[in-house]
Amino acid sequence: MSGPPSRIRSIVGHLRPQTQCQPQPPPHIHHLSPTFFLERAAAVESNADAIFHITTNGVAVRRSYQSFADRARGLAYYFKKYNLTPIGILAPNTPAFLEPVYGIVAGGGVIVPANYRLQEDDIAYIFEFAEVDCIIVDKEFENLLGAFTRKHPQVPLIVDLASRDTDATDGPTCEPFNQAILEGLAYDTEQGSYAWATLQSNTEDGMLAIPFTSGTTSRPKGVVYTHRGAYLAAVGNIIESGLNHGRFHAMGWTFPWSVVAVRGLNVCLRKIDYPLIWKLLKEEGITHFNAAPTVNTLLVAAKEAIKLPHLVQVTVTASPPEGHLFEQMANLNLMPVHVYGMTGILIDVAKDGQEIGEIIFSGNSSAKEYYKDAEATQKLFAGGALHSGDLAVWHPGGSAQILDRAKDIIISGGENISSVALESMLVQHPDILEAGVVPIPDYYWGERSKAYITGKIKKTDLWNWAKKAPKA
């Protein structure tokens, strides 16, 4: 990748006319977009460590902020070259997820992530509904795109191999993901080497990402997040989680932007590996990480668990944690910070820990709307505030305790499980007339699903049938 540009070249790049004629804001206004964090990090500390990742064959990948910024910039210009805007991502927590988070947005595109634990049909629906122009996919999960590619063979795939097997960035072994980066950098050079000068958003209220809901009662809905909202949420995370110049576990809850804003190190983990996590905590000087309660439960129970010589700030969300878990974590110097993903809460129930109400809120980090669904958006913002669907009580001390979802969602190990989907699967059995699925407490998973059925069938027969049924 290219080295840091000279100061004169950088200034000239900013003075050059824009490649597209767009109205520019006055000098005292900077449209907020989190891509600015990476441009600045590369300018201020170009040689600082930005990314650490271990491939499946054990190759340790370390990248500086200059390399990180160059690679994201290459992706951005690749997307601009081919006019690709809504761009899907189907990948685990690897550099091939982190780098496009910046590259897509910097190139004027919209991030459309999909969970690789979903069924083929659900993944196809998400990418089809969002009308993606291309998909970045980890080789391991390329087979999950079968249903989509059969219907949309014209949509190109950018396949990442490097996060799994190698880290060749040029030459004959360079794989498609890195080829796209190199092609984008070459395109920038051909156009006059504008670097980041033409990659900043001029519409902070524009779409930045469309993550999709779990689809409890219907098909998943696309939730629109803006440049401004993501920027301010990232800044809020820095304050709430005490981020500083340090090291951090990447990915999750807008932290890819927060970590870069403070020029920390993103440690990418392809999968949850408790021995590896403890090794990194002990040897890499990790200062912060994010994890659902289930992950923390199994982390403190791992045989490698030991009281660390330094404090590690752990942001906990996704499902309500137990107080006992926080005690266990604190004993190991893992200091939990329990946060609620929907900020700007307005609660007017009595502070008695008894009266239940729905959490509604408004604020800068609020979602803007449901994508292409005016009716659902109107319902979501009924009365002028966003309805979370979370039921909670307010305690005398001022804390809010989330009790349940207003809809039928079961959160097991930080993963959303649709009770409706499970019920629909169960009633497909010829001997089951009715099925109802509810959450029950579980020590490891927080909660798990329990089904009640009406019909004549033996328990063992149902188990055997369910194991062979498609995943819900």
Protein backbone atom coordinates (compact mmCIF):
# COMPACT_ATOMS: atom_id res chain seq x y z
CA MET A 1 0.00 0.00 0.00
CA SER A 2 1.10 3.57 -0.50
CA GLY A 3 2.81 5.49 2.26
CA PRO A 4 1.48 8.61 3.96
CA PRO A 5 1.04 11.52 1.52
CA SER A 6 3.21 14.59 1.88
CA ARG A 7 1.75 17.64 3.62
CA ILE A 8 1.77 19.69 0.38
CA ARG A 9 0.07 16.92 -1.57
CA SER A 10 -2.55 16.58 1.13
CA ILE A 11 -3.30 20.32 1.07
CA VAL A 12 -3.47 20.36 -2.72
CA GLY A 13 -5.87 17.44 -2.61
CA HIS A 14 -8.25 19.43 -0.44
CA LEU A 15 -7.99 22.54 -2.65
CA ARG A 16 -8.68 20.63 -5.87
CA PRO A 17 -12.16 20.93 -7.38
CA GLN A 18 -14.44 18.07 -6.37
CA THR A 19 -14.99 15.36 -8.98
CA GLN A 20 -18.72 15.77 -8.46
CA CYS A 21 -20.37 19.15 -8.19
CA GLN A 22 -22.02 19.10 -4.77
CA PRO A 23 -22.96 22.02 -2.52
CA GLN A 24 -20.28 22.45 0.12
CA PRO A 25 -21.09 23.43 3.72
CA PRO A 26 -19.64 26.66 5.11
CA PRO A 27 -16.22 26.37 6.79
CA HIS A 28 -17.66 26.29 10.30
CA ILE A 29 -19.81 23.23 9.58
CA HIS A 30 -18.49 19.71 9.18
CA HIS A 31 -21.11 17.16 8.19
CA LEU A 32 -20.74 14.34 10.69
CA SER A 33 -19.72 10.92 9.38
CA PRO A 34 -17.65 8.28 11.21
CA THR A 35 -15.38 7.76 8.19
CA PHE A 36 -13.61 10.96 9.27
CA PHE A 37 -12.18 9.07 12.26
CA LEU A 38 -10.08 6.80 10.03
CA GLU A 39 -8.77 9.60 7.81
CA ARG A 40 -7.68 11.54 10.88
CA ALA A 41 -6.16 8.50 12.64
CA ALA A 42 -4.00 7.77 9.59
CA ALA A 43 -2.90 11.41 9.42
CA VAL A 44 -2.10 11.71 13.14
CA GLU A 45 -0.62 8.28 13.93
CA SER A 46 -0.02 6.55 10.61
CA ASN A 47 2.30 3.89 12.05
CA ALA A 48 0.18 3.02 15.09
CA ASP A 49 -1.24 -0.50 15.23
CA ALA A 50 -4.84 -0.54 14.00
CA ILE A 51 -5.79 -4.17 13.30
CA PHE A 52 -4.70 -7.49 14.77
CA HIS A 53 -6.13 -10.76 13.48
CA ILE A 54 -5.12 -14.43 13.42
CA THR A 55 -6.15 -16.36 10.30
CA THR A 56 -7.46 -19.92 10.52
CA ASN A 57 -4.04 -21.28 9.56
CA GLY A 58 -2.37 -19.32 12.34
CA VAL A 59 -0.97 -16.34 10.42
CA ALA A 60 -0.89 -13.23 12.62
CA VAL A 61 -1.99 -10.15 10.67
CA ARG A 62 -1.04 -6.70 11.95
CA ARG A 63 -1.91 -3.53 10.09
CA SER A 64 -1.09 0.09 10.83
CA TYR A 65 -3.56 2.93 10.57
CA GLN A 66 -1.96 3.98 7.28
CA SER A 67 -2.50 0.49 5.86
CA PHE A 68 -6.03 0.32 7.27
CA ALA A 69 -6.90 3.71 5.75
CA ASP A 70 -5.34 2.82 2.39
CA ARG A 71 -7.27 -0.44 2.19
CA ALA A 72 -10.56 1.22 3.12
CA ARG A 73 -9.83 3.97 0.60
CA GLY A 74 -9.13 1.36 -2.08
CA LEU A 75 -12.50 -0.24 -1.43
CA ALA A 76 -14.18 3.16 -1.52
CA TYR A 77 -12.80 4.00 -4.96
CA TYR A 78 -13.57 0.50 -6.22
CA PHE A 79 -17.22 1.04 -5.29
CA LYS A 80 -17.18 4.52 -6.85
CA LYS A 81 -15.62 3.17 -10.06
CA TYR A 82 -18.46 0.72 -10.59
CA ASN A 83 -21.16 2.90 -8.98
CA LEU A 84 -21.94 0.32 -6.30
CA THR A 85 -24.03 1.78 -3.47
CA PRO A 86 -26.04 -0.66 -1.32
CA ILE A 87 -23.38 -3.27 -0.52
CA GLY A 88 -24.01 -6.47 1.39
CA ILE A 89 -21.60 -8.02 3.89
CA LEU A 90 -21.74 -11.68 4.91
CA ALA A 91 -18.68 -12.26 7.07
CA PRO A 92 -17.61 -12.93 10.66
CA ASN A 93 -15.56 -10.60 12.84
CA THR A 94 -12.52 -10.25 10.55
CA PRO A 95 -10.69 -7.42 8.77
CA ALA A 96 -12.89 -8.15 5.74
CA PHE A 97 -15.82 -6.90 7.80
CA LEU A 98 -14.06 -4.03 9.53
CA GLU A 99 -12.41 -2.50 6.45
CA PRO A 100 -15.62 -2.40 4.35
CA VAL A 101 -17.42 -0.69 7.25
CA TYR A 102 -15.28 2.33 6.32
CA GLY A 103 -14.79 1.65 2.62
CA ILE A 104 -18.47 1.30 1.80
CA VAL A 105 -19.47 4.48 3.61
CA ALA A 106 -16.51 6.50 2.30
CA GLY A 107 -17.42 5.45 -1.23
CA GLY A 108 -20.92 6.85 -0.84
CA GLY A 109 -22.49 3.45 -0.26
CA VAL A 110 -24.75 1.89 2.35
CA ILE A 111 -23.75 -1.06 4.54
CA VAL A 112 -26.21 -3.98 4.42
CA PRO A 113 -24.97 -6.63 6.87
CA ALA A 114 -26.53 -10.10 7.16
CA ASN A 115 -26.09 -12.64 9.94
CA TYR A 116 -24.40 -15.80 8.67
CA ARG A 117 -26.49 -17.83 11.15
CA LEU A 118 -29.63 -17.11 9.14
CA GLN A 119 -31.14 -19.48 6.60
CA GLU A 120 -30.40 -19.03 2.90
CA ASP A 121 -33.91 -17.74 2.20
CA ASP A 122 -33.69 -15.08 4.93
CA ILE A 123 -30.29 -13.92 3.70
CA ALA A 124 -31.63 -13.80 0.15
CA TYR A 125 -34.62 -11.75 1.31
CA ILE A 126 -32.42 -9.19 3.10
CA PHE A 127 -30.09 -8.63 0.16
CA GLU A 128 -32.95 -8.65 -2.33
CA PHE A 129 -35.07 -6.18 -0.35
CA ALA A 130 -32.10 -3.84 0.07
CA GLU A 131 -31.35 -4.18 -3.66
CA VAL A 132 -27.63 -4.64 -3.08
CA ASP A 133 -25.27 -3.95 -5.97
CA CYS A 134 -22.63 -6.40 -4.75
CA ILE A 135 -21.84 -8.59 -1.73
CA ILE A 136 -18.61 -8.97 0.22
CA VAL A 137 -18.62 -12.56 1.48
CA ASP A 138 -16.26 -14.70 3.51
CA LYS A 139 -15.42 -17.88 1.59
CA GLU A 140 -16.72 -20.05 4.43
CA PHE A 141 -20.23 -18.62 4.03
CA GLU A 142 -20.38 -18.26 0.26
CA ASN A 143 -22.67 -21.30 0.05
CA LEU A 144 -25.32 -19.38 2.04
CA LEU A 145 -25.78 -17.09 -0.95
CA GLY A 146 -27.10 -19.87 -3.17
CA ALA A 147 -30.75 -18.80 -2.96
CA PHE A 148 -29.80 -15.19 -3.74
CA THR A 149 -27.36 -15.82 -6.59
CA ARG A 150 -29.76 -18.16 -8.36
CA LYS A 151 -32.25 -15.29 -8.62
CA HIS A 152 -29.68 -12.52 -9.07
CA PRO A 153 -26.68 -13.96 -10.92
CA GLN A 154 -25.74 -10.46 -12.14
CA VAL A 155 -24.85 -9.24 -8.63
CA PRO A 156 -21.07 -9.62 -8.23
CA LEU A 157 -19.50 -11.27 -5.18
CA ILE A 158 -16.25 -10.06 -3.65
CA VAL A 159 -14.96 -13.17 -1.90
CA ASP A 160 -12.57 -12.88 1.05
CA LEU A 161 -10.06 -15.70 1.45
CA ALA A 162 -7.33 -13.85 3.33
CA SER A 163 -9.10 -13.76 6.70
CA ARG A 164 -9.18 -17.55 6.64
CA ASP A 165 -6.01 -18.79 4.99
CA THR A 166 -3.46 -16.20 3.89
CA ASP A 167 -2.72 -12.50 3.85
CA ALA A 168 -1.30 -12.03 0.36
CA THR A 169 -2.11 -8.47 -0.73
CA ASP A 170 -0.57 -8.59 -4.19
CA GLY A 171 0.94 -10.99 -6.71
CA PRO A 172 -0.49 -14.25 -8.10
CA THR A 173 -1.92 -15.38 -4.75
CA CYS A 174 -3.84 -12.14 -4.18
CA GLU A 175 -7.48 -13.07 -3.64
CA PRO A 176 -10.63 -11.21 -4.86
CA PHE A 177 -11.09 -8.99 -1.81
CA ASN A 178 -7.54 -7.65 -2.01
CA GLN A 179 -7.79 -7.40 -5.80
CA ALA A 180 -10.74 -5.04 -5.36
CA ILE A 181 -8.68 -2.89 -2.99
CA LEU A 182 -5.77 -2.67 -5.42
CA GLU A 183 -8.07 -1.88 -8.34
CA GLY A 184 -9.69 0.91 -6.32
CA LEU A 185 -6.32 2.45 -5.42
CA ALA A 186 -5.28 2.33 -9.07
CA TYR A 187 -8.54 4.02 -10.05
CA ASP A 188 -7.87 6.86 -7.60
CA THR A 189 -4.43 7.35 -9.16
CA GLU A 190 -5.93 7.40 -12.66
CA GLN A 191 -8.45 10.05 -11.58
CA GLY A 192 -5.76 12.34 -10.14
CA SER A 193 -4.97 10.94 -6.66
CA TYR A 194 -7.69 12.70 -4.70
CA ALA A 195 -7.13 10.39 -1.69
CA TRP A 196 -9.77 11.20 0.96
CA ALA A 197 -10.71 14.59 -0.52
CA THR A 198 -13.73 13.19 -2.38
CA LEU A 199 -14.67 10.51 0.13
CA GLN A 200 -16.39 12.48 2.89
CA SER A 201 -20.17 12.56 3.13
CA ASN A 202 -21.95 15.86 2.45
CA THR A 203 -25.28 14.55 3.75
CA GLU A 204 -25.02 13.63 7.41
CA ASP A 205 -28.71 12.67 7.48
CA GLY A 206 -28.22 10.21 4.63
CA MET A 207 -28.27 6.44 4.99
CA LEU A 208 -25.13 4.84 6.36
CA ALA A 209 -26.32 1.31 7.15
CA ILE A 210 -29.41 -0.87 6.95
CA PRO A 211 -29.16 -3.68 9.52
CA PHE A 212 -32.23 -5.91 9.64
CA THR A 213 -34.43 -6.92 12.58
CA SER A 214 -34.95 -10.53 13.62
CA GLY A 215 -38.40 -10.67 12.03
CA THR A 216 -40.47 -11.96 14.93
CA THR A 217 -43.95 -11.51 13.53
CA SER A 218 -43.15 -10.96 9.85
CA ARG A 219 -40.24 -10.63 7.47
CA PRO A 220 -37.15 -8.79 8.84
CA LYS A 221 -37.33 -5.00 8.58
CA GLY A 222 -34.44 -2.83 7.46
CA VAL A 223 -33.51 -0.24 10.10
CA VAL A 224 -31.99 2.91 8.61
CA TYR A 225 -29.07 4.50 10.46
CA THR A 226 -27.53 7.80 9.42
CA HIS A 227 -23.99 9.20 9.27
CA ARG A 228 -24.80 11.68 12.03
CA GLY A 229 -26.36 9.06 14.29
CA ALA A 230 -23.42 6.67 13.93
CA TYR A 231 -20.89 9.45 14.54
CA LEU A 232 -22.57 10.61 17.75
CA ALA A 233 -23.19 7.05 18.96
CA ALA A 234 -19.48 6.35 18.51
CA VAL A 235 -18.58 9.43 20.56
CA GLY A 236 -21.08 8.35 23.21
CA ASN A 237 -19.43 4.94 23.42
CA ILE A 238 -16.05 6.55 24.01
CA ILE A 239 -17.45 8.37 27.03
CA GLU A 240 -19.70 5.61 28.39
CA SER A 241 -17.13 2.82 28.11
CA GLY A 242 -14.10 4.87 29.09
CA LEU A 243 -12.21 4.32 25.85
CA ASN A 244 -8.78 5.86 25.67
CA HIS A 245 -5.61 5.19 23.73
CA GLY A 246 -5.47 1.46 24.21
CA ARG A 247 -6.41 -1.87 22.83
CA PHE A 248 -9.79 -3.19 22.12
CA HIS A 249 -11.80 -6.13 20.81
CA ALA A 250 -13.28 -5.05 17.50
CA MET A 251 -16.79 -5.11 16.12
CA GLY A 252 -20.05 -4.52 17.83
CA TRP A 253 -22.47 -1.73 18.64
CA THR A 254 -20.76 1.07 16.63
CA PHE A 255 -17.41 0.42 18.36
CA PRO A 256 -15.50 -0.05 15.08
CA TRP A 257 -15.87 3.72 14.77
CA SER A 258 -15.27 4.48 18.45
CA VAL A 259 -11.99 2.55 18.58
CA VAL A 260 -10.65 4.28 15.49
CA ALA A 261 -11.67 7.67 16.88
CA VAL A 262 -9.27 7.13 19.81
CA ARG A 263 -6.74 5.35 17.57
CA GLY A 264 -6.92 2.08 19.45
CA LEU A 265 -6.12 -1.41 18.21
CA ASN A 266 -8.99 -3.48 16.81
CA VAL A 267 -8.48 -7.14 17.71
CA CYS A 268 -10.66 -9.17 15.33
CA LEU A 269 -11.80 -12.64 16.36
CA ARG A 270 -13.23 -14.89 13.67
CA LYS A 271 -15.17 -16.89 16.26
CA ILE A 272 -15.66 -17.10 20.01
CA ASP A 273 -12.61 -19.00 21.25
CA TYR A 274 -12.31 -18.78 25.05
CA PRO A 275 -8.69 -20.02 25.37
CA LEU A 276 -7.66 -17.53 22.66
CA ILE A 277 -9.57 -14.70 24.34
CA TRP A 278 -7.78 -15.35 27.62
CA LYS A 279 -4.45 -15.56 25.80
CA LEU A 280 -5.09 -12.17 24.21
CA LEU A 281 -6.24 -10.66 27.50
CA LYS A 282 -3.01 -11.82 29.15
CA GLU A 283 -0.51 -11.16 26.35
CA GLU A 284 -1.86 -8.38 24.14
CA GLY A 285 -2.78 -5.88 26.85
CA ILE A 286 -6.47 -5.73 25.94
CA THR A 287 -8.17 -2.89 27.81
CA HIS A 288 -11.77 -3.15 26.50
CA PHE A 289 -14.07 -5.65 24.88
CA ASN A 290 -17.77 -6.17 24.15
CA ALA A 291 -19.68 -9.36 24.89
CA ALA A 292 -23.19 -10.60 25.56
CA PRO A 293 -23.89 -12.06 29.04
CA THR A 294 -23.64 -15.64 27.73
CA VAL A 295 -20.16 -15.07 26.35
CA ASN A 296 -19.06 -13.55 29.66
CA THR A 297 -20.59 -16.46 31.61
CA LEU A 298 -18.58 -19.01 29.65
CA LEU A 299 -15.49 -16.78 29.68
CA VAL A 300 -15.31 -16.63 33.48
CA ALA A 301 -15.99 -20.39 33.67
CA ALA A 302 -13.16 -21.27 31.26
CA LYS A 303 -10.25 -23.21 32.73
CA GLU A 304 -7.90 -20.48 31.51
CA ALA A 305 -9.66 -17.84 33.64
CA ILE A 306 -7.34 -15.97 35.98
CA LYS A 307 -7.39 -12.63 37.76
CA LEU A 308 -5.73 -10.21 35.39
CA PRO A 309 -3.03 -7.81 36.60
CA HIS A 310 -4.84 -4.91 34.93
CA LEU A 311 -8.47 -3.79 34.70
CA VAL A 312 -10.40 -4.59 31.53
CA GLN A 313 -13.57 -2.63 30.76
CA VAL A 314 -16.30 -4.95 29.45
CA THR A 315 -19.35 -3.48 27.72
CA VAL A 316 -22.27 -5.84 28.30
CA THR A 317 -25.53 -5.71 26.37
CA ALA A 318 -27.85 -7.82 24.12
CA SER A 319 -29.78 -9.43 27.00
CA PRO A 320 -30.34 -8.78 30.74
CA PRO A 321 -27.35 -10.10 32.77
CA GLU A 322 -27.41 -11.62 36.26
CA GLY A 323 -25.88 -9.74 39.18
CA HIS A 324 -23.88 -12.85 40.12
CA LEU A 325 -22.16 -12.75 36.74
CA PHE A 326 -20.97 -9.20 37.34
CA GLU A 327 -19.47 -10.28 40.69
CA GLN A 328 -17.59 -13.13 39.02
CA MET A 329 -16.29 -10.81 36.33
CA ALA A 330 -15.14 -8.17 38.81
CA ASN A 331 -13.21 -10.83 40.75
CA LEU A 332 -11.15 -11.41 37.60
CA ASN A 333 -10.64 -7.66 36.99
CA LEU A 334 -13.17 -7.73 34.16
CA MET A 335 -15.12 -4.60 35.02
CA PRO A 336 -18.64 -4.73 33.49
CA VAL A 337 -20.41 -1.70 32.07
CA HIS A 338 -24.03 -2.63 31.37
CA VAL A 339 -25.46 -0.51 28.58
CA TYR A 340 -28.77 -0.36 26.77
CA GLY A 341 -28.41 -0.14 23.01
CA MET A 342 -31.30 2.29 22.55
CA THR A 343 -30.18 5.62 23.97
CA GLY A 344 -32.02 8.78 24.94
CA ILE A 345 -34.57 6.98 27.10
CA LEU A 346 -37.69 8.76 28.38
CA ILE A 347 -39.42 6.82 31.17
CA ASP A 348 -42.40 8.17 33.11
CA VAL A 349 -43.56 5.15 35.12
CA ALA A 350 -43.34 5.24 38.91
CA LYS A 351 -39.90 4.68 40.44
CA ASP A 352 -41.09 1.67 42.42
CA GLY A 353 -39.63 -1.26 40.51
CA GLN A 354 -43.17 -2.55 40.00
CA GLU A 355 -45.01 -0.54 37.37
CA ILE A 356 -44.20 -1.87 33.92
CA GLY A 357 -43.97 0.37 30.89
CA GLU A 358 -42.53 0.33 27.40
CA ILE A 359 -39.27 2.16 26.85
CA ILE A 360 -39.69 4.91 24.28
CA PHE A 361 -37.00 7.38 23.33
CA SER A 362 -35.65 9.97 20.96
CA GLY A 363 -32.12 11.14 20.37
CA ASN A 364 -29.29 11.62 17.90
CA SER A 365 -28.42 7.92 17.74
CA SER A 366 -31.99 6.84 17.08
CA ALA A 367 -32.75 4.94 13.90
CA LYS A 368 -34.21 7.15 11.20
CA GLU A 369 -36.86 4.84 9.74
CA TYR A 370 -37.66 1.38 8.45
CA TYR A 371 -36.32 0.97 4.94
CA LYS A 372 -39.07 1.05 2.31
CA ASP A 373 -41.79 0.54 4.93
CA ALA A 374 -43.73 3.74 5.66
CA GLU A 375 -46.48 1.97 7.59
CA ALA A 376 -44.07 0.27 10.00
CA THR A 377 -42.13 3.53 10.40
CA GLN A 378 -45.29 5.42 11.33
CA LYS A 379 -46.12 2.79 13.93
CA LEU A 380 -42.56 2.81 15.28
CA PHE A 381 -42.66 6.58 15.86
CA ALA A 382 -46.26 6.81 17.05
CA GLY A 383 -46.68 9.88 19.27
CA GLY A 384 -43.38 11.40 18.15
CA ALA A 385 -40.98 9.00 19.88
CA LEU A 386 -39.44 5.67 18.95
CA HIS A 387 -41.17 2.69 20.57
CA SER A 388 -38.52 0.15 21.54
CA GLY A 389 -40.84 -2.78 22.22
CA ASP A 390 -38.92 -3.39 25.47
CA LEU A 391 -40.88 -3.68 28.71
CA ALA A 392 -39.17 -2.41 31.85
CA VAL A 393 -39.57 -1.09 35.39
CA TRP A 394 -37.89 1.94 36.96
CA HIS A 395 -36.20 1.39 40.33
CA PRO A 396 -35.96 4.00 43.11
CA GLY A 397 -32.22 4.39 42.52
CA GLY A 398 -32.84 5.52 38.96
CA SER A 399 -31.89 2.36 37.08
CA ALA A 400 -34.22 0.79 34.54
CA GLN A 401 -34.62 -2.99 34.51
CA ILE A 402 -35.63 -4.51 31.20
CA LEU A 403 -38.03 -7.39 31.77
CA ASP A 404 -39.12 -8.66 28.38
CA ARG A 405 -39.91 -7.82 24.80
CA ALA A 406 -43.37 -6.71 23.94
CA LYS A 407 -43.10 -9.03 20.97
CA ASP A 408 -42.26 -12.70 21.02
CA ILE A 409 -38.49 -12.59 20.93
CA ILE A 410 -36.24 -14.95 22.86
CA ILE A 411 -32.64 -13.88 23.44
CA SER A 412 -30.37 -16.88 24.00
CA GLY A 413 -26.68 -16.23 24.28
CA GLY A 414 -27.07 -12.81 22.73
CA GLU A 415 -28.79 -14.34 19.69
CA ASN A 416 -32.35 -13.44 18.79
CA ILE A 417 -34.66 -16.45 18.43
CA SER A 418 -38.07 -15.95 16.89
CA SER A 419 -40.75 -17.89 18.77
CA VAL A 420 -43.04 -17.44 15.77
CA ALA A 421 -40.49 -19.10 13.49
CA LEU A 422 -40.12 -22.04 15.88
CA GLU A 423 -43.89 -22.41 16.19
CA SER A 424 -44.23 -22.35 12.41
CA MET A 425 -41.63 -25.09 12.12
CA LEU A 426 -43.26 -27.31 14.77
CA VAL A 427 -46.75 -27.22 13.28
CA GLN A 428 -45.34 -28.58 10.04
CA HIS A 429 -45.21 -31.98 11.75
CA PRO A 430 -48.34 -33.93 10.75
CA ASP A 431 -49.09 -34.99 14.35
CA ILE A 432 -48.86 -31.49 15.89
CA LEU A 433 -52.00 -29.37 15.86
CA GLU A 434 -50.82 -26.31 17.79
CA ALA A 435 -47.52 -25.05 19.15
CA GLY A 436 -46.55 -22.24 21.50
CA VAL A 437 -42.95 -21.25 22.27
CA VAL A 438 -41.91 -19.27 25.36
CA PRO A 439 -38.57 -18.35 26.96
CA ILE A 440 -37.35 -20.09 30.11
CA PRO A 441 -34.32 -19.12 32.25
CA ASP A 442 -31.03 -20.89 31.56
CA TYR A 443 -27.78 -20.57 33.51
CA TYR A 444 -25.46 -20.51 30.51
CA TRP A 445 -27.61 -19.03 27.76
CA GLY A 446 -29.58 -16.49 29.79
CA GLU A 447 -32.77 -17.95 28.41
CA ARG A 448 -33.76 -20.70 26.00
CA SER A 449 -36.94 -21.67 24.24
CA LYS A 450 -39.55 -24.13 25.51
CA ALA A 451 -42.37 -25.41 23.31
CA TYR A 452 -45.87 -26.46 24.33
CA ILE A 453 -47.70 -28.54 21.76
CA THR A 454 -51.16 -30.00 21.16
CA GLY A 455 -51.00 -33.36 19.43
CA LYS A 456 -50.16 -37.02 19.71
CA ILE A 457 -46.45 -37.60 19.37
CA LYS A 458 -43.71 -39.16 21.48
CA LYS A 459 -41.02 -36.87 22.86
CA THR A 460 -38.20 -38.91 21.30
CA ASP A 461 -39.91 -38.89 17.90
CA LEU A 462 -40.29 -35.11 18.08
CA TRP A 463 -36.64 -34.65 19.01
CA ASN A 464 -35.47 -36.80 16.10
CA TRP A 465 -37.76 -34.96 13.69
CA ALA A 466 -36.72 -31.51 14.94
CA LYS A 467 -33.02 -32.30 14.53
CA LYS A 468 -33.63 -33.03 10.85
CA ALA A 469 -35.88 -30.01 10.26
CA PRO A 470 -34.48 -26.79 8.70
CA LYS A 471 -33.02 -24.32 11.21
CA ALA A 472 -35.58 -21.78 12.40
